[in-house]
Amino acid sequence: MNKALSERSVTPRTVTVALARDLHPAIGRNRMYRALQSGALRGARVGKRIAIPIDALDEWVMAGAPEFIQQ
């Protein structure tokens, strides 16, 4: 592999629920799954994992991490 390529760090665009909890440890796993199920947090199933876009995760956290969408 090219040395220049191996030294680059790539910022992921999506994270799994486990990685999202590492970024925001105060938010529980069950809360994230309920928010994903209700549509309050965007995510897509990729195989057995759920990929959450980082921008959607940050917006959801800034909104107070609601479990449900307020209508």
PDB file of N, CA and C in Angstrom:
ATOM      1  N   MET A   1       0.841  -1.177   0.000  1.00  0.00           N
ATOM      2  CA  MET A   1       0.000   0.000   0.000  1.00  0.00           C
ATOM      3  C   MET A   1       0.886   1.240   0.000  1.00  0.00           C
ATOM      4  N   ASN A   2       0.421   2.272  -0.651  1.00  0.00           N
ATOM      5  CA  ASN A   2       1.120   3.537  -0.709  1.00  0.00           C
ATOM      6  C   ASN A   2       1.211   4.141   0.686  1.00  0.00           C
ATOM      7  N   LYS A   3       2.408   4.565   1.092  1.00  0.00           N
ATOM      8  CA  LYS A   3       2.605   5.108   2.437  1.00  0.00           C
ATOM      9  C   LYS A   3       1.751   6.357   2.676  1.00  0.00           C
ATOM     10  N   ALA A   4       1.627   7.215   1.687  1.00  0.00           N
ATOM     11  CA  ALA A   4       0.821   8.432   1.826  1.00  0.00           C
ATOM     12  C   ALA A   4      -0.646   8.090   2.078  1.00  0.00           C
ATOM     13  N   LEU A   5      -1.140   7.054   1.415  1.00  0.00           N
ATOM     14  CA  LEU A   5      -2.531   6.652   1.619  1.00  0.00           C
ATOM     15  C   LEU A   5      -2.739   6.028   2.995  1.00  0.00           C
ATOM     16  N   SER A   6      -1.763   5.263   3.471  1.00  0.00           N
ATOM     17  CA  SER A   6      -1.935   4.600   4.755  1.00  0.00           C
ATOM     18  C   SER A   6      -1.841   5.580   5.930  1.00  0.00           C
ATOM     19  N   GLU A   7      -1.235   6.742   5.734  1.00  0.00           N
ATOM     20  CA  GLU A   7      -1.110   7.716   6.810  1.00  0.00           C
ATOM     21  C   GLU A   7      -2.313   8.645   6.907  1.00  0.00           C
ATOM     22  N   ARG A   8      -3.158   8.657   5.899  1.00  0.00           N
ATOM     23  CA  ARG A   8      -4.341   9.516   5.923  1.00  0.00           C
ATOM     24  C   ARG A   8      -5.360   8.963   6.901  1.00  0.00           C
ATOM     25  N   SER A   9      -6.014   9.872   7.582  1.00  0.00           N
ATOM     26  CA  SER A   9      -7.130   9.434   8.417  1.00  0.00           C
ATOM     27  C   SER A   9      -8.419   9.844   7.719  1.00  0.00           C
ATOM     28  N   VAL A  10      -9.362   8.970   7.733  1.00  0.00           N
ATOM     29  CA  VAL A  10     -10.635   9.208   7.064  1.00  0.00           C
ATOM     30  C   VAL A  10     -11.708   9.333   8.128  1.00  0.00           C
ATOM     31  N   THR A  11     -12.481  10.386   8.046  1.00  0.00           N
ATOM     32  CA  THR A  11     -13.582  10.578   8.974  1.00  0.00           C
ATOM     33  C   THR A  11     -14.801   9.859   8.428  1.00  0.00           C
ATOM     34  N   PRO A  12     -15.379   8.944   9.197  1.00  0.00           N
ATOM     35  CA  PRO A  12     -16.547   8.215   8.695  1.00  0.00           C
ATOM     36  C   PRO A  12     -17.766   9.131   8.588  1.00  0.00           C
ATOM     37  N   ARG A  13     -18.640   8.812   7.661  1.00  0.00           N
ATOM     38  CA  ARG A  13     -19.878   9.581   7.493  1.00  0.00           C
ATOM     39  C   ARG A  13     -21.013   8.974   8.293  1.00  0.00           C
ATOM     40  N   THR A  14     -20.873   7.692   8.634  1.00  0.00           N
ATOM     41  CA  THR A  14     -21.890   7.020   9.444  1.00  0.00           C
ATOM     42  C   THR A  14     -21.214   6.298  10.599  1.00  0.00           C
ATOM     43  N   VAL A  15     -22.006   6.039  11.633  1.00  0.00           N
ATOM     44  CA  VAL A  15     -21.530   5.273  12.780  1.00  0.00           C
ATOM     45  C   VAL A  15     -22.587   4.240  13.144  1.00  0.00           C
ATOM     46  N   THR A  16     -22.167   3.205  13.848  1.00  0.00           N
ATOM     47  CA  THR A  16     -23.108   2.224  14.380  1.00  0.00           C
ATOM     48  C   THR A  16     -23.627   2.744  15.715  1.00  0.00           C
ATOM     49  N   VAL A  17     -24.610   2.067  16.280  1.00  0.00           N
ATOM     50  CA  VAL A  17     -25.145   2.470  17.581  1.00  0.00           C
ATOM     51  C   VAL A  17     -24.039   2.418  18.639  1.00  0.00           C
ATOM     52  N   ALA A  18     -23.199   1.396  18.591  1.00  0.00           N
ATOM     53  CA  ALA A  18     -22.108   1.276  19.566  1.00  0.00           C
ATOM     54  C   ALA A  18     -21.140   2.458  19.461  1.00  0.00           C
ATOM     55  N   LEU A  19     -20.779   2.839  18.239  1.00  0.00           N
ATOM     56  CA  LEU A  19     -19.879   3.982  18.069  1.00  0.00           C
ATOM     57  C   LEU A  19     -20.566   5.288  18.432  1.00  0.00           C
ATOM     58  N   ALA A  20     -21.860   5.394  18.164  1.00  0.00           N
ATOM     59  CA  ALA A  20     -22.613   6.597  18.549  1.00  0.00           C
ATOM     60  C   ALA A  20     -22.617   6.756  20.064  1.00  0.00           C
ATOM     61  N   ARG A  21     -22.691   5.645  20.776  1.00  0.00           N
ATOM     62  CA  ARG A  21     -22.653   5.714  22.240  1.00  0.00           C
ATOM     63  C   ARG A  21     -21.276   6.131  22.727  1.00  0.00           C
ATOM     64  N   ASP A  22     -20.219   5.765  22.001  1.00  0.00           N
ATOM     65  CA  ASP A  22     -18.878   6.228  22.364  1.00  0.00           C
ATOM     66  C   ASP A  22     -18.762   7.734  22.193  1.00  0.00           C
ATOM     67  N   LEU A  23     -19.426   8.276  21.161  1.00  0.00           N
ATOM     68  CA  LEU A  23     -19.401   9.719  20.929  1.00  0.00           C
ATOM     69  C   LEU A  23     -20.259  10.483  21.927  1.00  0.00           C
ATOM     70  N   HIS A  24     -21.378   9.874  22.325  1.00  0.00           N
ATOM     71  CA  HIS A  24     -22.327  10.504  23.253  1.00  0.00           C
ATOM     72  C   HIS A  24     -22.690   9.495  24.348  1.00  0.00           C
ATOM     73  N   PRO A  25     -21.801   9.295  25.326  1.00  0.00           N
ATOM     74  CA  PRO A  25     -22.015   8.237  26.319  1.00  0.00           C
ATOM     75  C   PRO A  25     -23.206   8.456  27.251  1.00  0.00           C
ATOM     76  N   ALA A  26     -23.731   9.659  27.328  1.00  0.00           N
ATOM     77  CA  ALA A  26     -24.865   9.910  28.217  1.00  0.00           C
ATOM     78  C   ALA A  26     -26.183   9.398  27.629  1.00  0.00           C
ATOM     79  N   ILE A  27     -26.185   9.034  26.360  1.00  0.00           N
ATOM     80  CA  ILE A  27     -27.405   8.568  25.704  1.00  0.00           C
ATOM     81  C   ILE A  27     -27.378   7.050  25.630  1.00  0.00           C
ATOM     82  N   GLY A  28     -28.405   6.442  26.160  1.00  0.00           N
ATOM     83  CA  GLY A  28     -28.458   4.991  26.243  1.00  0.00           C
ATOM     84  C   GLY A  28     -28.770   4.308  24.923  1.00  0.00           C
ATOM     85  N   ARG A  29     -28.394   3.058  24.857  1.00  0.00           N
ATOM     86  CA  ARG A  29     -28.611   2.247  23.659  1.00  0.00           C
ATOM     87  C   ARG A  29     -30.098   2.106  23.347  1.00  0.00           C
ATOM     88  N   ASN A  30     -30.915   1.816  24.366  1.00  0.00           N
ATOM     89  CA  ASN A  30     -32.347   1.645  24.134  1.00  0.00           C
ATOM     90  C   ASN A  30     -32.992   2.926  23.622  1.00  0.00           C
ATOM     91  N   ARG A  31     -32.551   4.081  24.126  1.00  0.00           N
ATOM     92  CA  ARG A  31     -33.083   5.360  23.667  1.00  0.00           C
ATOM     93  C   ARG A  31     -32.776   5.544  22.173  1.00  0.00           C
ATOM     94  N   MET A  32     -31.569   5.175  21.763  1.00  0.00           N
ATOM     95  CA  MET A  32     -31.204   5.305  20.343  1.00  0.00           C
ATOM     96  C   MET A  32     -32.059   4.384  19.488  1.00  0.00           C
ATOM     97  N   TYR A  33     -32.240   3.141  19.914  1.00  0.00           N
ATOM     98  CA  TYR A  33     -33.047   2.209  19.125  1.00  0.00           C
ATOM     99  C   TYR A  33     -34.500   2.677  19.038  1.00  0.00           C
ATOM    100  N   ARG A  34     -35.062   3.212  20.129  1.00  0.00           N
ATOM    101  CA  ARG A  34     -36.442   3.724  20.086  1.00  0.00           C
ATOM    102  C   ARG A  34     -36.548   4.917  19.147  1.00  0.00           C
ATOM    103  N   ALA A  35     -35.546   5.801  19.170  1.00  0.00           N
ATOM    104  CA  ALA A  35     -35.552   6.966  18.280  1.00  0.00           C
ATOM    105  C   ALA A  35     -35.422   6.527  16.821  1.00  0.00           C
ATOM    106  N   LEU A  36     -34.608   5.517  16.557  1.00  0.00           N
ATOM    107  CA  LEU A  36     -34.486   4.996  15.196  1.00  0.00           C
ATOM    108  C   LEU A  36     -35.806   4.381  14.741  1.00  0.00           C
ATOM    109  N   GLN A  37     -36.443   3.632  15.616  1.00  0.00           N
ATOM    110  CA  GLN A  37     -37.698   2.963  15.266  1.00  0.00           C
ATOM    111  C   GLN A  37     -38.813   3.977  15.005  1.00  0.00           C
ATOM    112  N   SER A  38     -38.853   5.055  15.787  1.00  0.00           N
ATOM    113  CA  SER A  38     -39.922   6.047  15.634  1.00  0.00           C
ATOM    114  C   SER A  38     -39.648   7.027  14.500  1.00  0.00           C
ATOM    115  N   GLY A  39     -38.407   7.088  14.021  1.00  0.00           N
ATOM    116  CA  GLY A  39     -38.069   8.034  12.961  1.00  0.00           C
ATOM    117  C   GLY A  39     -37.492   9.343  13.474  1.00  0.00           C
ATOM    118  N   ALA A  40     -37.346   9.484  14.783  1.00  0.00           N
ATOM    119  CA  ALA A  40     -36.761  10.698  15.345  1.00  0.00           C
ATOM    120  C   ALA A  40     -35.277  10.794  15.009  1.00  0.00           C
ATOM    121  N   LEU A  41     -34.636   9.655  14.778  1.00  0.00           N
ATOM    122  CA  LEU A  41     -33.221   9.589  14.397  1.00  0.00           C
ATOM    123  C   LEU A  41     -33.129   8.781  13.107  1.00  0.00           C
ATOM    124  N   ARG A  42     -32.457   9.352  12.107  1.00  0.00           N
ATOM    125  CA  ARG A  42     -32.309   8.660  10.825  1.00  0.00           C
ATOM    126  C   ARG A  42     -31.249   7.577  10.916  1.00  0.00           C
ATOM    127  N   GLY A  43     -31.501   6.483  10.241  1.00  0.00           N
ATOM    128  CA  GLY A  43     -30.534   5.397  10.177  1.00  0.00           C
ATOM    129  C   GLY A  43     -30.964   4.401   9.107  1.00  0.00           C
ATOM    130  N   ALA A  44     -30.028   3.577   8.672  1.00  0.00           N
ATOM    131  CA  ALA A  44     -30.335   2.571   7.654  1.00  0.00           C
ATOM    132  C   ALA A  44     -29.675   1.263   8.047  1.00  0.00           C
ATOM    133  N   ARG A  45     -30.404   0.190   7.902  1.00  0.00           N
ATOM    134  CA  ARG A  45     -29.848  -1.121   8.195  1.00  0.00           C
ATOM    135  C   ARG A  45     -28.913  -1.534   7.065  1.00  0.00           C
ATOM    136  N   VAL A  46     -27.711  -1.927   7.449  1.00  0.00           N
ATOM    137  CA  VAL A  46     -26.717  -2.431   6.510  1.00  0.00           C
ATOM    138  C   VAL A  46     -26.282  -3.784   7.053  1.00  0.00           C
ATOM    139  N   GLY A  47     -26.846  -4.832   6.476  1.00  0.00           N
ATOM    140  CA  GLY A  47     -26.613  -6.172   7.018  1.00  0.00           C
ATOM    141  C   GLY A  47     -27.284  -6.267   8.379  1.00  0.00           C
ATOM    142  N   LYS A  48     -26.501  -6.613   9.401  1.00  0.00           N
ATOM    143  CA  LYS A  48     -27.041  -6.716  10.756  1.00  0.00           C
ATOM    144  C   LYS A  48     -26.889  -5.425  11.550  1.00  0.00           C
ATOM    145  N   ARG A  49     -26.191  -4.452  10.980  1.00  0.00           N
ATOM    146  CA  ARG A  49     -25.914  -3.209  11.700  1.00  0.00           C
ATOM    147  C   ARG A  49     -26.808  -2.089  11.218  1.00  0.00           C
ATOM    148  N   ILE A  50     -26.917  -1.061  12.046  1.00  0.00           N
ATOM    149  CA  ILE A  50     -27.637   0.146  11.667  1.00  0.00           C
ATOM    150  C   ILE A  50     -26.608   1.253  11.503  1.00  0.00           C
ATOM    151  N   ALA A  51     -26.599   1.859  10.316  1.00  0.00           N
ATOM    152  CA  ALA A  51     -25.687   2.963  10.041  1.00  0.00           C
ATOM    153  C   ALA A  51     -26.429   4.274  10.285  1.00  0.00           C
ATOM    154  N   ILE A  52     -25.871   5.092  11.165  1.00  0.00           N
ATOM    155  CA  ILE A  52     -26.469   6.378  11.510  1.00  0.00           C
ATOM    156  C   ILE A  52     -25.568   7.475  10.947  1.00  0.00           C
ATOM    157  N   PRO A  53     -26.106   8.339  10.079  1.00  0.00           N
ATOM    158  CA  PRO A  53     -25.286   9.445   9.583  1.00  0.00           C
ATOM    159  C   PRO A  53     -24.848  10.349  10.745  1.00  0.00           C
ATOM    160  N   ILE A  54     -23.599  10.741  10.754  1.00  0.00           N
ATOM    161  CA  ILE A  54     -23.071  11.543  11.862  1.00  0.00           C
ATOM    162  C   ILE A  54     -23.807  12.871  11.965  1.00  0.00           C
ATOM    163  N   ASP A  55     -24.136  13.491  10.824  1.00  0.00           N
ATOM    164  CA  ASP A  55     -24.848  14.764  10.897  1.00  0.00           C
ATOM    165  C   ASP A  55     -26.232  14.589  11.517  1.00  0.00           C
ATOM    166  N   ALA A  56     -26.919  13.480  11.210  1.00  0.00           N
ATOM    167  CA  ALA A  56     -28.223  13.209  11.801  1.00  0.00           C
ATOM    168  C   ALA A  56     -28.088  12.959  13.302  1.00  0.00           C
ATOM    169  N   LEU A  57     -27.048  12.253  13.699  1.00  0.00           N
ATOM    170  CA  LEU A  57     -26.814  11.989  15.122  1.00  0.00           C
ATOM    171  C   LEU A  57     -26.583  13.291  15.878  1.00  0.00           C
ATOM    172  N   ASP A  58     -25.736  14.162  15.331  1.00  0.00           N
ATOM    173  CA  ASP A  58     -25.452  15.435  15.991  1.00  0.00           C
ATOM    174  C   ASP A  58     -26.692  16.319  16.080  1.00  0.00           C
ATOM    175  N   GLU A  59     -27.503  16.364  15.017  1.00  0.00           N
ATOM    176  CA  GLU A  59     -28.748  17.143  15.047  1.00  0.00           C
ATOM    177  C   GLU A  59     -29.693  16.599  16.108  1.00  0.00           C
ATOM    178  N   TRP A  60     -29.791  15.282  16.196  1.00  0.00           N
ATOM    179  CA  TRP A  60     -30.688  14.646  17.158  1.00  0.00           C
ATOM    180  C   TRP A  60     -30.248  14.953  18.591  1.00  0.00           C
ATOM    181  N   VAL A  61     -28.953  14.891  18.839  1.00  0.00           N
ATOM    182  CA  VAL A  61     -28.428  15.188  20.170  1.00  0.00           C
ATOM    183  C   VAL A  61     -28.657  16.660  20.515  1.00  0.00           C
ATOM    184  N   MET A  62     -28.425  17.561  19.552  1.00  0.00           N
ATOM    185  CA  MET A  62     -28.627  18.994  19.791  1.00  0.00           C
ATOM    186  C   MET A  62     -30.099  19.312  20.064  1.00  0.00           C
ATOM    187  N   ALA A  63     -31.003  18.498  19.539  1.00  0.00           N
ATOM    188  CA  ALA A  63     -32.439  18.687  19.770  1.00  0.00           C
ATOM    189  C   ALA A  63     -32.887  18.113  21.108  1.00  0.00           C
ATOM    190  N   GLY A  64     -31.946  17.560  21.872  1.00  0.00           N
ATOM    191  CA  GLY A  64     -32.284  16.999  23.176  1.00  0.00           C
ATOM    192  C   GLY A  64     -32.497  15.508  23.155  1.00  0.00           C
ATOM    193  N   ALA A  65     -32.137  14.841  22.077  1.00  0.00           N
ATOM    194  CA  ALA A  65     -32.245  13.396  21.933  1.00  0.00           C
ATOM    195  C   ALA A  65     -33.657  12.885  22.198  1.00  0.00           C
ATOM    196  N   PRO A  66     -34.660  13.444  21.478  1.00  0.00           N
ATOM    197  CA  PRO A  66     -36.037  12.973  21.694  1.00  0.00           C
ATOM    198  C   PRO A  66     -36.224  11.554  21.160  1.00  0.00           C
ATOM    199  N   GLU A  67     -37.050  10.783  21.838  1.00  0.00           N
ATOM    200  CA  GLU A  67     -37.322   9.414  21.383  1.00  0.00           C
ATOM    201  C   GLU A  67     -38.356   9.403  20.283  1.00  0.00           C
ATOM    202  N   PHE A  68     -39.233  10.412  20.272  1.00  0.00           N
ATOM    203  CA  PHE A  68     -40.303  10.461  19.297  1.00  0.00           C
ATOM    204  C   PHE A  68     -40.330  11.822  18.649  1.00  0.00           C
ATOM    205  N   ILE A  69     -40.888  11.890  17.453  1.00  0.00           N
ATOM    206  CA  ILE A  69     -41.018  13.163  16.747  1.00  0.00           C
ATOM    207  C   ILE A  69     -42.243  13.881  17.307  1.00  0.00           C
ATOM    208  N   GLN A  70     -42.054  15.119  17.700  1.00  0.00           N
ATOM    209  CA  GLN A  70     -43.173  15.933  18.210  1.00  0.00           C
ATOM    210  C   GLN A  70     -43.986  16.444  17.020  1.00  0.00           C
ATOM    211  N   GLN A  71     -45.301  16.208  17.064  1.00  0.00           N
ATOM    212  CA  GLN A  71     -46.151  16.671  15.956  1.00  0.00           C
ATOM    213  C   GLN A  71     -47.134  17.684  16.434  1.00  0.00           C
TER     214      GLN A  71
END
